[in-house]
Amino acid sequence: VLLGGHIVGAEAATMIHMVIAYMKMKATLFDIKDTIYIHPA
């Protein structure tokens, strides 16, 4: 299960919401693996 994360850099304040949502869902490493990611982003 995802415990937390750190993001430093451009758009960090926006991207951290993905981490927060995953934590709220108690997502596992494998749940995050199964996510579809936009490319390039």
PDB file of all heavy atoms in Angstrom:
ATOM      1  N   VAL A   1       0.848  -1.199   0.000  1.00  0.00           N
ATOM      2  CA  VAL A   1       0.000   0.000   0.000  1.00  0.00           C
ATOM      3  C   VAL A   1       0.882   1.247   0.000  1.00  0.00           C
ATOM      4  O   VAL A   1       1.909   1.293   0.698  1.00  0.00           O
ATOM      5  CB  VAL A   1      -0.946  -0.005   1.223  1.00  0.00           C
ATOM      6  CG1 VAL A   1      -1.641   1.338   1.396  1.00  0.00           C
ATOM      7  CG2 VAL A   1      -1.973  -1.111   1.085  1.00  0.00           C
ATOM      8  N   LEU A   2       0.490   2.252  -0.772  1.00  0.00           N
ATOM      9  CA  LEU A   2       1.227   3.509  -0.819  1.00  0.00           C
ATOM     10  C   LEU A   2       1.127   4.214   0.523  1.00  0.00           C
ATOM     11  O   LEU A   2       0.027   4.486   1.015  1.00  0.00           O
ATOM     12  CB  LEU A   2       0.671   4.407  -1.928  1.00  0.00           C
ATOM     13  CG  LEU A   2       1.336   5.776  -2.079  1.00  0.00           C
ATOM     14  CD1 LEU A   2       2.801   5.631  -2.493  1.00  0.00           C
ATOM     15  CD2 LEU A   2       0.568   6.615  -3.087  1.00  0.00           C
ATOM     16  N   LEU A   3       2.259   4.522   1.126  1.00  0.00           N
ATOM     17  CA  LEU A   3       2.305   5.214   2.415  1.00  0.00           C
ATOM     18  C   LEU A   3       2.427   6.718   2.259  1.00  0.00           C
ATOM     19  O   LEU A   3       1.927   7.480   3.088  1.00  0.00           O
ATOM     20  CB  LEU A   3       3.492   4.707   3.242  1.00  0.00           C
ATOM     21  CG  LEU A   3       3.497   3.222   3.571  1.00  0.00           C
ATOM     22  CD1 LEU A   3       4.814   2.846   4.239  1.00  0.00           C
ATOM     23  CD2 LEU A   3       2.311   2.873   4.459  1.00  0.00           C
ATOM     24  N   GLY A   4       3.100   7.157   1.219  1.00  0.00           N
ATOM     25  CA  GLY A   4       3.287   8.590   1.023  1.00  0.00           C
ATOM     26  C   GLY A   4       4.222   8.851  -0.129  1.00  0.00           C
ATOM     27  O   GLY A   4       4.740   7.929  -0.761  1.00  0.00           O
ATOM     28  N   GLY A   5       4.430  10.123  -0.386  1.00  0.00           N
ATOM     29  CA  GLY A   5       5.311  10.497  -1.470  1.00  0.00           C
ATOM     30  C   GLY A   5       5.766  11.931  -1.361  1.00  0.00           C
ATOM     31  O   GLY A   5       5.182  12.720  -0.609  1.00  0.00           O
ATOM     32  N   HIS A   6       6.805  12.228  -2.088  1.00  0.00           N
ATOM     33  CA  HIS A   6       7.355  13.577  -2.186  1.00  0.00           C
ATOM     34  C   HIS A   6       7.496  13.910  -3.655  1.00  0.00           C
ATOM     35  O   HIS A   6       7.925  13.058  -4.445  1.00  0.00           O
ATOM     36  CB  HIS A   6       8.745  13.661  -1.550  1.00  0.00           C
ATOM     37  CG  HIS A   6       8.794  13.295  -0.123  1.00  0.00           C
ATOM     38  ND1 HIS A   6       8.690  14.228   0.870  1.00  0.00           N
ATOM     39  CD2 HIS A   6       8.942  12.100   0.487  1.00  0.00           C
ATOM     40  CE1 HIS A   6       8.786  13.613   2.042  1.00  0.00           C
ATOM     41  NE2 HIS A   6       8.922  12.323   1.832  1.00  0.00           N
ATOM     42  N   ILE A   7       7.168  15.136  -4.011  1.00  0.00           N
ATOM     43  CA  ILE A   7       7.404  15.597  -5.373  1.00  0.00           C
ATOM     44  C   ILE A   7       8.000  16.993  -5.288  1.00  0.00           C
ATOM     45  O   ILE A   7       7.447  17.876  -4.633  1.00  0.00           O
ATOM     46  CB  ILE A   7       6.111  15.639  -6.216  1.00  0.00           C
ATOM     47  CG1 ILE A   7       5.434  14.266  -6.233  1.00  0.00           C
ATOM     48  CG2 ILE A   7       6.422  16.114  -7.637  1.00  0.00           C
ATOM     49  CD1 ILE A   7       4.100  14.238  -6.959  1.00  0.00           C
ATOM     50  N   VAL A   8       9.127  17.188  -5.959  1.00  0.00           N
ATOM     51  CA  VAL A   8       9.784  18.481  -6.037  1.00  0.00           C
ATOM     52  C   VAL A   8       9.988  18.783  -7.506  1.00  0.00           C
ATOM     53  O   VAL A   8      10.530  17.956  -8.239  1.00  0.00           O
ATOM     54  CB  VAL A   8      11.154  18.461  -5.311  1.00  0.00           C
ATOM     55  CG1 VAL A   8      11.877  19.785  -5.481  1.00  0.00           C
ATOM     56  CG2 VAL A   8      10.975  18.121  -3.843  1.00  0.00           C
ATOM     57  N   GLY A   9       9.530  19.956  -7.938  1.00  0.00           N
ATOM     58  CA  GLY A   9       9.735  20.337  -9.334  1.00  0.00           C
ATOM     59  C   GLY A   9       8.482  20.940  -9.931  1.00  0.00           C
ATOM     60  O   GLY A   9       7.481  21.175  -9.238  1.00  0.00           O
ATOM     61  N   ALA A  10       8.542  21.159 -11.231  1.00  0.00           N
ATOM     62  CA  ALA A  10       7.421  21.761 -11.959  1.00  0.00           C
ATOM     63  C   ALA A  10       6.152  20.937 -11.754  1.00  0.00           C
ATOM     64  O   ALA A  10       6.193  19.710 -11.762  1.00  0.00           O
ATOM     65  CB  ALA A  10       7.757  21.844 -13.449  1.00  0.00           C
ATOM     66  N   GLU A  11       5.049  21.625 -11.546  1.00  0.00           N
ATOM     67  CA  GLU A  11       3.725  21.010 -11.397  1.00  0.00           C
ATOM     68  C   GLU A  11       3.607  20.055 -10.203  1.00  0.00           C
ATOM     69  O   GLU A  11       2.665  19.253 -10.131  1.00  0.00           O
ATOM     70  CB  GLU A  11       3.310  20.272 -12.688  1.00  0.00           C
ATOM     71  CG  GLU A  11       3.269  21.159 -13.914  1.00  0.00           C
ATOM     72  CD  GLU A  11       2.248  22.291 -13.802  1.00  0.00           C
ATOM     73  OE1 GLU A  11       1.179  22.098 -13.187  1.00  0.00           O
ATOM     74  OE2 GLU A  11       2.535  23.380 -14.329  1.00  0.00           O
ATOM     75  N   ALA A  12       4.532  20.153  -9.252  1.00  0.00           N
ATOM     76  CA  ALA A  12       4.488  19.274  -8.082  1.00  0.00           C
ATOM     77  C   ALA A  12       3.191  19.447  -7.292  1.00  0.00           C
ATOM     78  O   ALA A  12       2.600  18.465  -6.841  1.00  0.00           O
ATOM     79  CB  ALA A  12       5.690  19.530  -7.179  1.00  0.00           C
ATOM     80  N   ALA A  13       2.735  20.684  -7.144  1.00  0.00           N
ATOM     81  CA  ALA A  13       1.520  20.942  -6.371  1.00  0.00           C
ATOM     82  C   ALA A  13       0.292  20.320  -7.029  1.00  0.00           C
ATOM     83  O   ALA A  13      -0.666  19.961  -6.347  1.00  0.00           O
ATOM     84  CB  ALA A  13       1.315  22.453  -6.203  1.00  0.00           C
ATOM     85  N   THR A  14       0.309  20.173  -8.326  1.00  0.00           N
ATOM     86  CA  THR A  14      -0.792  19.527  -9.034  1.00  0.00           C
ATOM     87  C   THR A  14      -0.650  18.006  -8.994  1.00  0.00           C
ATOM     88  O   THR A  14      -1.596  17.285  -8.694  1.00  0.00           O
ATOM     89  CB  THR A  14      -0.838  20.013 -10.503  1.00  0.00           C
ATOM     90  OG1 THR A  14      -0.988  21.434 -10.496  1.00  0.00           O
ATOM     91  CG2 THR A  14      -1.975  19.367 -11.253  1.00  0.00           C
ATOM     92  N   MET A  15       0.549  17.519  -9.258  1.00  0.00           N
ATOM     93  CA  MET A  15       0.752  16.072  -9.317  1.00  0.00           C
ATOM     94  C   MET A  15       0.595  15.389  -7.962  1.00  0.00           C
ATOM     95  O   MET A  15       0.210  14.223  -7.907  1.00  0.00           O
ATOM     96  CB  MET A  15       2.132  15.742  -9.888  1.00  0.00           C
ATOM     97  CG  MET A  15       2.234  16.036 -11.360  1.00  0.00           C
ATOM     98  SD  MET A  15       3.670  15.274 -12.136  1.00  0.00           S
ATOM     99  CE  MET A  15       5.013  15.770 -11.105  1.00  0.00           C
ATOM    100  N   ILE A  16       0.865  16.101  -6.866  1.00  0.00           N
ATOM    101  CA  ILE A  16       0.758  15.463  -5.548  1.00  0.00           C
ATOM    102  C   ILE A  16      -0.674  15.002  -5.284  1.00  0.00           C
ATOM    103  O   ILE A  16      -0.896  14.074  -4.504  1.00  0.00           O
ATOM    104  CB  ILE A  16       1.286  16.378  -4.423  1.00  0.00           C
ATOM    105  CG1 ILE A  16       1.593  15.579  -3.152  1.00  0.00           C
ATOM    106  CG2 ILE A  16       0.308  17.505  -4.130  1.00  0.00           C
ATOM    107  CD1 ILE A  16       2.750  14.634  -3.269  1.00  0.00           C
ATOM    108  N   HIS A  17      -1.635  15.594  -5.984  1.00  0.00           N
ATOM    109  CA  HIS A  17      -3.023  15.162  -5.813  1.00  0.00           C
ATOM    110  C   HIS A  17      -3.227  13.716  -6.257  1.00  0.00           C
ATOM    111  O   HIS A  17      -4.074  13.014  -5.717  1.00  0.00           O
ATOM    112  CB  HIS A  17      -3.983  16.114  -6.529  1.00  0.00           C
ATOM    113  CG  HIS A  17      -4.131  17.393  -5.789  1.00  0.00           C
ATOM    114  ND1 HIS A  17      -3.344  18.476  -6.034  1.00  0.00           N
ATOM    115  CD2 HIS A  17      -4.940  17.738  -4.758  1.00  0.00           C
ATOM    116  CE1 HIS A  17      -3.670  19.444  -5.206  1.00  0.00           C
ATOM    117  NE2 HIS A  17      -4.626  19.026  -4.421  1.00  0.00           N
ATOM    118  N   MET A  18      -2.459  13.261  -7.230  1.00  0.00           N
ATOM    119  CA  MET A  18      -2.528  11.844  -7.609  1.00  0.00           C
ATOM    120  C   MET A  18      -2.093  10.976  -6.434  1.00  0.00           C
ATOM    121  O   MET A  18      -2.739   9.970  -6.128  1.00  0.00           O
ATOM    122  CB  MET A  18      -1.604  11.550  -8.807  1.00  0.00           C
ATOM    123  CG  MET A  18      -2.066  12.102 -10.118  1.00  0.00           C
ATOM    124  SD  MET A  18      -0.881  11.743 -11.454  1.00  0.00           S
ATOM    125  CE  MET A  18      -1.094   9.968 -11.611  1.00  0.00           C
ATOM    126  N   VAL A  19      -1.016  11.384  -5.776  1.00  0.00           N
ATOM    127  CA  VAL A  19      -0.508  10.630  -4.629  1.00  0.00           C
ATOM    128  C   VAL A  19      -1.534  10.640  -3.501  1.00  0.00           C
ATOM    129  O   VAL A  19      -1.814   9.610  -2.885  1.00  0.00           O
ATOM    130  CB  VAL A  19       0.853  11.193  -4.167  1.00  0.00           C
ATOM    131  CG1 VAL A  19       1.337  10.513  -2.900  1.00  0.00           C
ATOM    132  CG2 VAL A  19       1.892  11.071  -5.281  1.00  0.00           C
ATOM    133  N   ILE A  20      -2.140  11.809  -3.241  1.00  0.00           N
ATOM    134  CA  ILE A  20      -3.155  11.920  -2.194  1.00  0.00           C
ATOM    135  C   ILE A  20      -4.349  11.015  -2.507  1.00  0.00           C
ATOM    136  O   ILE A  20      -4.848  10.311  -1.624  1.00  0.00           O
ATOM    137  CB  ILE A  20      -3.605  13.386  -2.029  1.00  0.00           C
ATOM    138  CG1 ILE A  20      -2.446  14.235  -1.477  1.00  0.00           C
ATOM    139  CG2 ILE A  20      -4.838  13.496  -1.131  1.00  0.00           C
ATOM    140  CD1 ILE A  20      -2.676  15.731  -1.590  1.00  0.00           C
ATOM    141  N   ALA A  21      -4.804  11.024  -3.749  1.00  0.00           N
ATOM    142  CA  ALA A  21      -5.942  10.175  -4.134  1.00  0.00           C
ATOM    143  C   ALA A  21      -5.595   8.702  -3.963  1.00  0.00           C
ATOM    144  O   ALA A  21      -6.400   7.917  -3.442  1.00  0.00           O
ATOM    145  CB  ALA A  21      -6.361  10.469  -5.574  1.00  0.00           C
ATOM    146  N   TYR A  22      -4.400   8.307  -4.391  1.00  0.00           N
ATOM    147  CA  TYR A  22      -3.978   6.915  -4.220  1.00  0.00           C
ATOM    148  C   TYR A  22      -3.946   6.536  -2.740  1.00  0.00           C
ATOM    149  O   TYR A  22      -4.372   5.442  -2.366  1.00  0.00           O
ATOM    150  CB  TYR A  22      -2.590   6.687  -4.818  1.00  0.00           C
ATOM    151  CG  TYR A  22      -2.523   6.588  -6.313  1.00  0.00           C
ATOM    152  CD1 TYR A  22      -1.502   7.223  -7.016  1.00  0.00           C
ATOM    153  CD2 TYR A  22      -3.440   5.834  -7.034  1.00  0.00           C
ATOM    154  CE1 TYR A  22      -1.403   7.113  -8.397  1.00  0.00           C
ATOM    155  CE2 TYR A  22      -3.351   5.724  -8.409  1.00  0.00           C
ATOM    156  CZ  TYR A  22      -2.327   6.375  -9.080  1.00  0.00           C
ATOM    157  OH  TYR A  22      -2.232   6.253 -10.443  1.00  0.00           O
ATOM    158  N   MET A  23      -3.436   7.436  -1.906  1.00  0.00           N
ATOM    159  CA  MET A  23      -3.376   7.147  -0.464  1.00  0.00           C
ATOM    160  C   MET A  23      -4.779   7.016   0.114  1.00  0.00           C
ATOM    161  O   MET A  23      -5.045   6.116   0.911  1.00  0.00           O
ATOM    162  CB  MET A  23      -2.581   8.232   0.260  1.00  0.00           C
ATOM    163  CG  MET A  23      -1.100   8.187  -0.054  1.00  0.00           C
ATOM    164  SD  MET A  23      -0.185   9.589   0.612  1.00  0.00           S
ATOM    165  CE  MET A  23      -0.434   9.320   2.368  1.00  0.00           C
ATOM    166  N   LYS A  24      -5.674   7.897  -0.274  1.00  0.00           N
ATOM    167  CA  LYS A  24      -7.058   7.859   0.215  1.00  0.00           C
ATOM    168  C   LYS A  24      -7.730   6.539  -0.182  1.00  0.00           C
ATOM    169  O   LYS A  24      -8.503   5.971   0.578  1.00  0.00           O
ATOM    170  CB  LYS A  24      -7.826   9.050  -0.364  1.00  0.00           C
ATOM    171  CG  LYS A  24      -9.260   9.132   0.018  1.00  0.00           C
ATOM    172  CD  LYS A  24      -9.437   9.728   1.383  1.00  0.00           C
ATOM    173  CE  LYS A  24     -10.921   9.926   1.658  1.00  0.00           C
ATOM    174  NZ  LYS A  24     -11.226   9.793   3.048  1.00  0.00           N
ATOM    175  N   MET A  25      -7.401   6.035  -1.363  1.00  0.00           N
ATOM    176  CA  MET A  25      -7.963   4.778  -1.871  1.00  0.00           C
ATOM    177  C   MET A  25      -7.262   3.551  -1.289  1.00  0.00           C
ATOM    178  O   MET A  25      -7.666   2.426  -1.575  1.00  0.00           O
ATOM    179  CB  MET A  25      -7.814   4.723  -3.402  1.00  0.00           C
ATOM    180  CG  MET A  25      -8.599   5.755  -4.149  1.00  0.00           C
ATOM    181  SD  MET A  25      -8.087   5.922  -5.901  1.00  0.00           S
ATOM    182  CE  MET A  25      -7.884   4.251  -6.417  1.00  0.00           C
ATOM    183  N   LYS A  26      -6.180   3.791  -0.539  1.00  0.00           N
ATOM    184  CA  LYS A  26      -5.343   2.689  -0.040  1.00  0.00           C
ATOM    185  C   LYS A  26      -4.818   1.850  -1.212  1.00  0.00           C
ATOM    186  O   LYS A  26      -4.779   0.617  -1.175  1.00  0.00           O
ATOM    187  CB  LYS A  26      -6.076   1.840   0.979  1.00  0.00           C
ATOM    188  CG  LYS A  26      -6.468   2.613   2.225  1.00  0.00           C
ATOM    189  CD  LYS A  26      -7.083   1.729   3.261  1.00  0.00           C
ATOM    190  CE  LYS A  26      -7.505   2.402   4.530  1.00  0.00           C
ATOM    191  NZ  LYS A  26      -7.261   3.749   4.806  1.00  0.00           N
ATOM    192  N   ALA A  27      -4.428   2.559  -2.269  1.00  0.00           N
ATOM    193  CA  ALA A  27      -3.936   1.909  -3.479  1.00  0.00           C
ATOM    194  C   ALA A  27      -2.604   1.210  -3.212  1.00  0.00           C
ATOM    195  O   ALA A  27      -1.779   1.685  -2.436  1.00  0.00           O
ATOM    196  CB  ALA A  27      -3.763   2.934  -4.591  1.00  0.00           C
ATOM    197  N   THR A  28      -2.428   0.098  -3.884  1.00  0.00           N
ATOM    198  CA  THR A  28      -1.166  -0.632  -3.795  1.00  0.00           C
ATOM    199  C   THR A  28      -0.260  -0.252  -4.964  1.00  0.00           C
ATOM    200  O   THR A  28      -0.700   0.387  -5.929  1.00  0.00           O
ATOM    201  CB  THR A  28      -1.398  -2.158  -3.847  1.00  0.00           C
ATOM    202  OG1 THR A  28      -1.875  -2.503  -5.157  1.00  0.00           O
ATOM    203  CG2 THR A  28      -2.369  -2.615  -2.779  1.00  0.00           C
ATOM    204  N   LEU A  29       0.938  -0.701  -4.878  1.00  0.00           N
ATOM    205  CA  LEU A  29       1.903  -0.527  -5.953  1.00  0.00           C
ATOM    206  C   LEU A  29       1.318  -1.063  -7.264  1.00  0.00           C
ATOM    207  O   LEU A  29       1.486  -0.464  -8.319  1.00  0.00           O
ATOM    208  CB  LEU A  29       3.179  -1.282  -5.557  1.00  0.00           C
ATOM    209  CG  LEU A  29       4.420  -1.073  -6.371  1.00  0.00           C
ATOM    210  CD1 LEU A  29       5.638  -1.110  -5.464  1.00  0.00           C
ATOM    211  CD2 LEU A  29       4.538  -2.118  -7.423  1.00  0.00           C
ATOM    212  N   PHE A  30       0.582  -2.164  -7.182  1.00  0.00           N
ATOM    213  CA  PHE A  30       0.012  -2.777  -8.381  1.00  0.00           C
ATOM    214  C   PHE A  30      -1.165  -1.981  -8.932  1.00  0.00           C
ATOM    215  O   PHE A  30      -1.388  -1.953 -10.151  1.00  0.00           O
ATOM    216  CB  PHE A  30      -0.366  -4.231  -8.090  1.00  0.00           C
ATOM    217  CG  PHE A  30       0.801  -5.006  -7.550  1.00  0.00           C
ATOM    218  CD1 PHE A  30       0.854  -5.350  -6.211  1.00  0.00           C
ATOM    219  CD2 PHE A  30       1.870  -5.342  -8.364  1.00  0.00           C
ATOM    220  CE1 PHE A  30       1.932  -6.044  -5.696  1.00  0.00           C
ATOM    221  CE2 PHE A  30       2.968  -6.031  -7.865  1.00  0.00           C
ATOM    222  CZ  PHE A  30       3.005  -6.383  -6.522  1.00  0.00           C
ATOM    223  N   ASP A  31      -1.929  -1.299  -8.064  1.00  0.00           N
ATOM    224  CA  ASP A  31      -2.995  -0.414  -8.534  1.00  0.00           C
ATOM    225  C   ASP A  31      -2.398   0.739  -9.338  1.00  0.00           C
ATOM    226  O   ASP A  31      -2.930   1.123 -10.385  1.00  0.00           O
ATOM    227  CB  ASP A  31      -3.800   0.156  -7.364  1.00  0.00           C
ATOM    228  CG  ASP A  31      -4.569  -0.895  -6.599  1.00  0.00           C
ATOM    229  OD1 ASP A  31      -5.094  -1.832  -7.228  1.00  0.00           O
ATOM    230  OD2 ASP A  31      -4.638  -0.779  -5.360  1.00  0.00           O
ATOM    231  N   ILE A  32      -1.306   1.275  -8.837  1.00  0.00           N
ATOM    232  CA  ILE A  32      -0.648   2.387  -9.521  1.00  0.00           C
ATOM    233  C   ILE A  32      -0.055   1.894 -10.842  1.00  0.00           C
ATOM    234  O   ILE A  32      -0.088   2.597 -11.849  1.00  0.00           O
ATOM    235  CB  ILE A  32       0.405   3.039  -8.601  1.00  0.00           C
ATOM    236  CG1 ILE A  32      -0.301   3.624  -7.372  1.00  0.00           C
ATOM    237  CG2 ILE A  32       1.190   4.114  -9.335  1.00  0.00           C
ATOM    238  CD1 ILE A  32       0.626   4.071  -6.267  1.00  0.00           C
ATOM    239  N   LYS A  33       0.433   0.685 -10.849  1.00  0.00           N
ATOM    240  CA  LYS A  33       0.963   0.089 -12.085  1.00  0.00           C
ATOM    241  C   LYS A  33      -0.130  -0.009 -13.143  1.00  0.00           C
ATOM    242  O   LYS A  33       0.121   0.187 -14.327  1.00  0.00           O
ATOM    243  CB  LYS A  33       1.532  -1.303 -11.793  1.00  0.00           C
ATOM    244  CG  LYS A  33       2.080  -2.006 -12.995  1.00  0.00           C
ATOM    245  CD  LYS A  33       2.577  -3.398 -12.648  1.00  0.00           C
ATOM    246  CE  LYS A  33       3.077  -4.099 -13.885  1.00  0.00           C
ATOM    247  NZ  LYS A  33       3.241  -5.527 -13.685  1.00  0.00           N
ATOM    248  N   ASP A  34      -1.363  -0.315 -12.738  1.00  0.00           N
ATOM    249  CA  ASP A  34      -2.465  -0.512 -13.679  1.00  0.00           C
ATOM    250  C   ASP A  34      -3.117   0.785 -14.155  1.00  0.00           C
ATOM    251  O   ASP A  34      -4.027   0.744 -14.977  1.00  0.00           O
ATOM    252  CB  ASP A  34      -3.530  -1.411 -13.053  1.00  0.00           C
ATOM    253  CG  ASP A  34      -3.057  -2.850 -12.916  1.00  0.00           C
ATOM    254  OD1 ASP A  34      -2.101  -3.246 -13.611  1.00  0.00           O
ATOM    255  OD2 ASP A  34      -3.635  -3.581 -12.089  1.00  0.00           O
ATOM    256  N   THR A  35      -2.646   1.922 -13.654  1.00  0.00           N
ATOM    257  CA  THR A  35      -3.173   3.215 -14.082  1.00  0.00           C
ATOM    258  C   THR A  35      -2.683   3.526 -15.496  1.00  0.00           C
ATOM    259  O   THR A  35      -1.567   3.183 -15.860  1.00  0.00           O
ATOM    260  CB  THR A  35      -2.709   4.326 -13.113  1.00  0.00           C
ATOM    261  OG1 THR A  35      -3.204   4.040 -11.808  1.00  0.00           O
ATOM    262  CG2 THR A  35      -3.202   5.694 -13.544  1.00  0.00           C
ATOM    263  N   ILE A  36      -3.524   4.188 -16.271  1.00  0.00           N
ATOM    264  CA  ILE A  36      -3.129   4.642 -17.601  1.00  0.00           C
ATOM    265  C   ILE A  36      -2.577   6.056 -17.463  1.00  0.00           C
ATOM    266  O   ILE A  36      -3.212   6.919 -16.865  1.00  0.00           O
ATOM    267  CB  ILE A  36      -4.328   4.618 -18.568  1.00  0.00           C
ATOM    268  CG1 ILE A  36      -4.826   3.183 -18.738  1.00  0.00           C
ATOM    269  CG2 ILE A  36      -3.950   5.243 -19.914  1.00  0.00           C
ATOM    270  CD1 ILE A  36      -6.150   3.071 -19.468  1.00  0.00           C
ATOM    271  N   TYR A  37      -1.407   6.276 -17.999  1.00  0.00           N
ATOM    272  CA  TYR A  37      -0.736   7.573 -17.914  1.00  0.00           C
ATOM    273  C   TYR A  37      -0.688   8.223 -19.292  1.00  0.00           C
ATOM    274  O   TYR A  37      -0.403   7.560 -20.289  1.00  0.00           O
ATOM    275  CB  TYR A  37       0.689   7.399 -17.368  1.00  0.00           C
ATOM    276  CG  TYR A  37       0.689   6.911 -15.943  1.00  0.00           C
ATOM    277  CD1 TYR A  37       0.597   5.556 -15.650  1.00  0.00           C
ATOM    278  CD2 TYR A  37       0.741   7.807 -14.894  1.00  0.00           C
ATOM    279  CE1 TYR A  37       0.568   5.108 -14.346  1.00  0.00           C
ATOM    280  CE2 TYR A  37       0.718   7.371 -13.575  1.00  0.00           C
ATOM    281  CZ  TYR A  37       0.629   6.022 -13.313  1.00  0.00           C
ATOM    282  OH  TYR A  37       0.592   5.577 -12.020  1.00  0.00           O
ATOM    283  N   ILE A  38      -0.943   9.520 -19.334  1.00  0.00           N
ATOM    284  CA  ILE A  38      -0.864  10.292 -20.572  1.00  0.00           C
ATOM    285  C   ILE A  38       0.608  10.454 -20.951  1.00  0.00           C
ATOM    286  O   ILE A  38       1.460  10.662 -20.093  1.00  0.00           O
ATOM    287  CB  ILE A  38      -1.515  11.677 -20.381  1.00  0.00           C
ATOM    288  CG1 ILE A  38      -2.962  11.543 -19.919  1.00  0.00           C
ATOM    289  CG2 ILE A  38      -1.416  12.509 -21.654  1.00  0.00           C
ATOM    290  CD1 ILE A  38      -3.850  10.749 -20.829  1.00  0.00           C
ATOM    291  N   HIS A  39       0.893  10.392 -22.241  1.00  0.00           N
ATOM    292  CA  HIS A  39       2.274  10.519 -22.718  1.00  0.00           C
ATOM    293  C   HIS A  39       2.349  11.543 -23.838  1.00  0.00           C
ATOM    294  O   HIS A  39       1.549  11.463 -24.774  1.00  0.00           O
ATOM    295  CB  HIS A  39       2.754   9.166 -23.232  1.00  0.00           C
ATOM    296  CG  HIS A  39       4.103   9.213 -23.868  1.00  0.00           C
ATOM    297  ND1 HIS A  39       5.260   9.278 -23.140  1.00  0.00           N
ATOM    298  CD2 HIS A  39       4.477   9.227 -25.181  1.00  0.00           C
ATOM    299  CE1 HIS A  39       6.291   9.310 -23.969  1.00  0.00           C
ATOM    300  NE2 HIS A  39       5.844   9.279 -25.203  1.00  0.00           N
ATOM    301  N   PRO A  40       3.262  12.474 -23.763  1.00  0.00           N
ATOM    302  CA  PRO A  40       4.158  12.751 -22.653  1.00  0.00           C
ATOM    303  C   PRO A  40       3.489  13.692 -21.656  1.00  0.00           C
ATOM    304  O   PRO A  40       2.755  14.603 -22.050  1.00  0.00           O
ATOM    305  CB  PRO A  40       5.351  13.439 -23.316  1.00  0.00           C
ATOM    306  CG  PRO A  40       4.753  14.183 -24.473  1.00  0.00           C
ATOM    307  CD  PRO A  40       3.582  13.324 -24.938  1.00  0.00           C
ATOM    308  N   ALA A  41       3.703  13.465 -20.401  1.00  0.00           N
ATOM    309  CA  ALA A  41       3.187  14.333 -19.339  1.00  0.00           C
ATOM    310  C   ALA A  41       3.994  14.081 -18.073  1.00  0.00           C
ATOM    311  O   ALA A  41       4.499  12.980 -17.857  1.00  0.00           O
ATOM    312  CB  ALA A  41       1.704  14.062 -19.094  1.00  0.00           C
TER     313      ALA A  41
END
